[in-house]
């Protein structure tokens, strides 16, 4: 399952399960960065206007994202 992806030049980021008999290698630093990004998007989706995209125009939606991101960053 992972071999075709590795042959295509992809990097394994998600760690294997703890009870795996033969643990596979993964990039821990890349996994930490991926985790931070996923948590950031989860926090952004807590804002109802962003999750449901109330704004019709892209510029207003981007402004809401900037506002929510700055509020998240400050907390």
N, C-alpha and C. Protein backbone atom coordinates (compact mmCIF):
# COMPACT_ATOMS: atom_id res chain seq x y z
N UNK A 1 0.82 -1.18 0.00
CA UNK A 1 0.00 0.00 0.00
C UNK A 1 0.87 1.26 0.00
N UNK A 2 1.96 1.24 0.72
CA UNK A 2 2.82 2.42 0.79
C UNK A 2 3.89 2.39 -0.30
N UNK A 3 4.27 1.20 -0.77
CA UNK A 3 5.33 1.09 -1.76
C UNK A 3 5.02 1.85 -3.06
N UNK A 4 3.81 1.79 -3.61
CA UNK A 4 3.55 2.58 -4.83
C UNK A 4 3.67 4.08 -4.60
N UNK A 5 3.29 4.52 -3.42
CA UNK A 5 3.41 5.94 -3.11
C UNK A 5 4.88 6.36 -2.98
N UNK A 6 5.69 5.51 -2.34
CA UNK A 6 7.11 5.82 -2.21
C UNK A 6 7.80 5.79 -3.56
N UNK A 7 7.38 4.89 -4.45
CA UNK A 7 7.95 4.86 -5.79
C UNK A 7 7.58 6.10 -6.58
N UNK A 8 6.45 6.70 -6.25
CA UNK A 8 6.02 7.92 -6.92
C UNK A 8 6.68 9.15 -6.33
N UNK A 9 7.53 8.97 -5.28
CA UNK A 9 8.24 10.08 -4.69
C UNK A 9 7.57 10.70 -3.49
N UNK A 10 6.56 10.05 -2.95
CA UNK A 10 5.86 10.57 -1.76
C UNK A 10 6.61 10.17 -0.50
N UNK A 11 6.42 10.95 0.57
CA UNK A 11 7.08 10.70 1.84
C UNK A 11 6.05 10.24 2.86
N UNK A 12 6.39 9.22 3.64
CA UNK A 12 5.50 8.72 4.68
C UNK A 12 5.54 9.70 5.85
N UNK A 13 4.38 10.22 6.23
CA UNK A 13 4.32 11.22 7.28
C UNK A 13 3.62 10.68 8.52
N UNK A 14 2.58 9.90 8.36
CA UNK A 14 1.80 9.41 9.48
C UNK A 14 2.53 8.22 10.11
N UNK A 15 2.72 8.22 11.43
CA UNK A 15 3.43 7.12 12.08
C UNK A 15 2.61 5.83 12.06
N UNK A 16 3.29 4.68 12.16
CA UNK A 16 2.57 3.41 12.18
C UNK A 16 1.89 3.21 13.53
N UNK A 17 0.99 2.25 13.59
CA UNK A 17 0.33 1.93 14.85
C UNK A 17 1.36 1.39 15.84
N UNK A 18 1.12 1.58 17.11
CA UNK A 18 2.08 1.18 18.14
C UNK A 18 2.23 -0.34 18.23
N UNK A 19 1.19 -1.10 17.89
CA UNK A 19 1.25 -2.55 18.02
C UNK A 19 1.71 -3.25 16.73
N UNK A 20 2.25 -2.52 15.80
CA UNK A 20 2.73 -3.10 14.54
C UNK A 20 3.98 -3.95 14.82
N UNK A 21 4.05 -5.12 14.21
CA UNK A 21 5.18 -6.01 14.47
C UNK A 21 6.47 -5.50 13.84
N UNK A 22 6.39 -4.92 12.65
CA UNK A 22 7.57 -4.35 12.00
C UNK A 22 7.33 -2.86 11.79
N UNK A 23 7.84 -2.03 12.69
CA UNK A 23 7.58 -0.59 12.55
C UNK A 23 8.26 -0.02 11.31
N UNK A 24 7.59 0.90 10.65
CA UNK A 24 8.16 1.53 9.46
C UNK A 24 8.69 2.91 9.81
N UNK A 25 9.57 3.40 9.00
CA UNK A 25 10.17 4.71 9.22
C UNK A 25 9.20 5.81 8.76
N UNK A 26 9.26 6.95 9.43
CA UNK A 26 8.48 8.12 9.02
C UNK A 26 9.22 9.36 9.47
N UNK A 27 8.93 10.48 8.84
CA UNK A 27 9.60 11.73 9.14
C UNK A 27 8.89 12.42 10.30
N UNK A 28 9.52 12.43 11.48
CA UNK A 28 8.88 12.98 12.67
C UNK A 28 8.70 14.49 12.58
N UNK A 29 9.67 15.19 12.02
CA UNK A 29 9.56 16.65 11.91
C UNK A 29 8.44 17.05 10.96
N UNK A 30 8.31 16.34 9.87
CA UNK A 30 7.24 16.62 8.91
C UNK A 30 5.88 16.30 9.52
N UNK A 31 5.83 15.27 10.35
CA UNK A 31 4.58 14.91 11.02
C UNK A 31 4.17 16.00 12.01
N UNK A 32 5.13 16.58 12.73
CA UNK A 32 4.83 17.67 13.66
C UNK A 32 4.28 18.88 12.92
N UNK A 33 4.89 19.21 11.78
CA UNK A 33 4.41 20.34 10.99
C UNK A 33 3.00 20.07 10.45
N UNK A 34 2.76 18.86 10.00
CA UNK A 34 1.43 18.49 9.49
C UNK A 34 0.39 18.59 10.59
N UNK A 35 0.75 18.16 11.78
CA UNK A 35 -0.16 18.21 12.92
C UNK A 35 -0.52 19.65 13.27
N UNK A 36 0.45 20.55 13.25
CA UNK A 36 0.18 21.96 13.53
C UNK A 36 -0.78 22.55 12.51
N UNK A 37 -0.58 22.24 11.26
CA UNK A 37 -1.45 22.77 10.20
C UNK A 37 -2.86 22.23 10.34
N UNK A 38 -2.99 20.93 10.62
CA UNK A 38 -4.32 20.35 10.79
C UNK A 38 -5.05 20.97 11.98
N UNK A 39 -4.32 21.21 13.08
CA UNK A 39 -4.95 21.84 14.24
C UNK A 39 -5.37 23.27 13.93
N UNK A 40 -4.56 23.98 13.14
CA UNK A 40 -4.92 25.35 12.77
C UNK A 40 -6.22 25.38 11.97
N UNK A 41 -6.36 24.48 11.00
CA UNK A 41 -7.60 24.45 10.22
C UNK A 41 -8.78 24.01 11.07
N UNK A 42 -8.56 23.15 12.04
CA UNK A 42 -9.65 22.76 12.94
C UNK A 42 -10.10 23.96 13.77
N UNK A 43 -9.16 24.81 14.19
CA UNK A 43 -9.53 26.01 14.94
C UNK A 43 -10.26 27.01 14.05
N UNK A 44 -9.84 27.11 12.81
CA UNK A 44 -10.53 28.02 11.89
C UNK A 44 -11.97 27.59 11.67
N UNK A 45 -12.20 26.29 11.61
CA UNK A 45 -13.55 25.79 11.35
C UNK A 45 -14.48 25.98 12.54
N UNK A 46 -13.94 26.38 13.69
CA UNK A 46 -14.79 26.67 14.83
C UNK A 46 -15.55 27.97 14.64
N UNK A 47 -15.07 28.83 13.75
CA UNK A 47 -15.77 30.07 13.44
C UNK A 47 -16.88 29.74 12.44
N UNK A 48 -18.11 29.99 12.84
CA UNK A 48 -19.26 29.57 12.05
C UNK A 48 -19.29 30.21 10.66
N UNK A 49 -18.93 31.47 10.58
CA UNK A 49 -18.98 32.17 9.29
C UNK A 49 -17.99 31.58 8.30
N UNK A 50 -16.89 31.04 8.79
CA UNK A 50 -15.90 30.43 7.90
C UNK A 50 -16.32 29.02 7.53
N UNK A 51 -16.81 28.27 8.51
CA UNK A 51 -17.20 26.88 8.25
C UNK A 51 -18.34 26.80 7.25
N UNK A 52 -19.28 27.74 7.30
CA UNK A 52 -20.42 27.70 6.38
C UNK A 52 -20.26 28.64 5.20
N UNK A 53 -19.20 29.43 5.20
CA UNK A 53 -18.89 30.41 4.16
C UNK A 53 -20.09 31.32 3.88
N UNK A 54 -20.36 32.17 4.87
CA UNK A 54 -21.47 33.11 4.73
C UNK A 54 -21.20 34.15 3.63
N UNK A 55 -19.96 34.58 3.51
CA UNK A 55 -19.64 35.64 2.57
C UNK A 55 -19.68 35.13 1.14
N UNK A 56 -20.32 35.87 0.28
CA UNK A 56 -20.42 35.48 -1.13
C UNK A 56 -19.17 35.84 -1.90
N UNK A 57 -18.59 36.98 -1.57
CA UNK A 57 -17.41 37.45 -2.32
C UNK A 57 -16.14 36.90 -1.69
N UNK A 58 -15.18 36.58 -2.53
CA UNK A 58 -13.93 35.98 -2.07
C UNK A 58 -13.14 36.93 -1.19
N UNK A 59 -13.17 38.21 -1.49
CA UNK A 59 -12.39 39.17 -0.72
C UNK A 59 -12.92 39.28 0.72
N UNK A 60 -14.23 39.22 0.89
CA UNK A 60 -14.82 39.26 2.23
C UNK A 60 -14.51 37.97 3.00
N UNK A 61 -14.56 36.84 2.30
CA UNK A 61 -14.24 35.56 2.93
C UNK A 61 -12.78 35.53 3.38
N UNK A 62 -11.88 36.05 2.53
CA UNK A 62 -10.47 36.09 2.89
C UNK A 62 -10.24 37.00 4.10
N UNK A 63 -10.97 38.10 4.16
CA UNK A 63 -10.87 38.99 5.32
C UNK A 63 -11.31 38.29 6.60
N UNK A 64 -12.37 37.49 6.50
CA UNK A 64 -12.83 36.74 7.67
C UNK A 64 -11.79 35.71 8.10
N UNK A 65 -11.14 35.09 7.13
CA UNK A 65 -10.08 34.13 7.45
C UNK A 65 -8.92 34.84 8.13
N UNK A 66 -8.53 36.01 7.62
CA UNK A 66 -7.45 36.78 8.25
C UNK A 66 -7.81 37.15 9.69
N UNK A 67 -9.04 37.57 9.90
CA UNK A 67 -9.48 37.96 11.23
C UNK A 67 -9.47 36.75 12.17
N UNK A 68 -10.02 35.63 11.74
CA UNK A 68 -10.06 34.43 12.58
C UNK A 68 -8.65 33.89 12.83
N UNK A 69 -7.79 33.95 11.82
CA UNK A 69 -6.42 33.47 12.00
C UNK A 69 -5.66 34.33 13.00
N UNK A 70 -5.85 35.64 12.92
CA UNK A 70 -5.17 36.52 13.86
C UNK A 70 -5.70 36.34 15.28
N UNK A 71 -6.99 36.11 15.42
CA UNK A 71 -7.56 35.85 16.75
C UNK A 71 -7.03 34.54 17.31
N UNK A 72 -6.90 33.53 16.45
CA UNK A 72 -6.35 32.25 16.88
C UNK A 72 -4.89 32.39 17.27
N UNK A 73 -4.15 33.17 16.50
CA UNK A 73 -2.72 33.35 16.76
C UNK A 73 -2.50 34.10 18.07
N UNK A 74 -3.37 35.06 18.38
CA UNK A 74 -3.20 35.85 19.59
C UNK A 74 -3.59 35.09 20.86
N UNK A 75 -4.42 34.09 20.72
CA UNK A 75 -4.84 33.31 21.90
C UNK A 75 -3.91 32.21 22.20
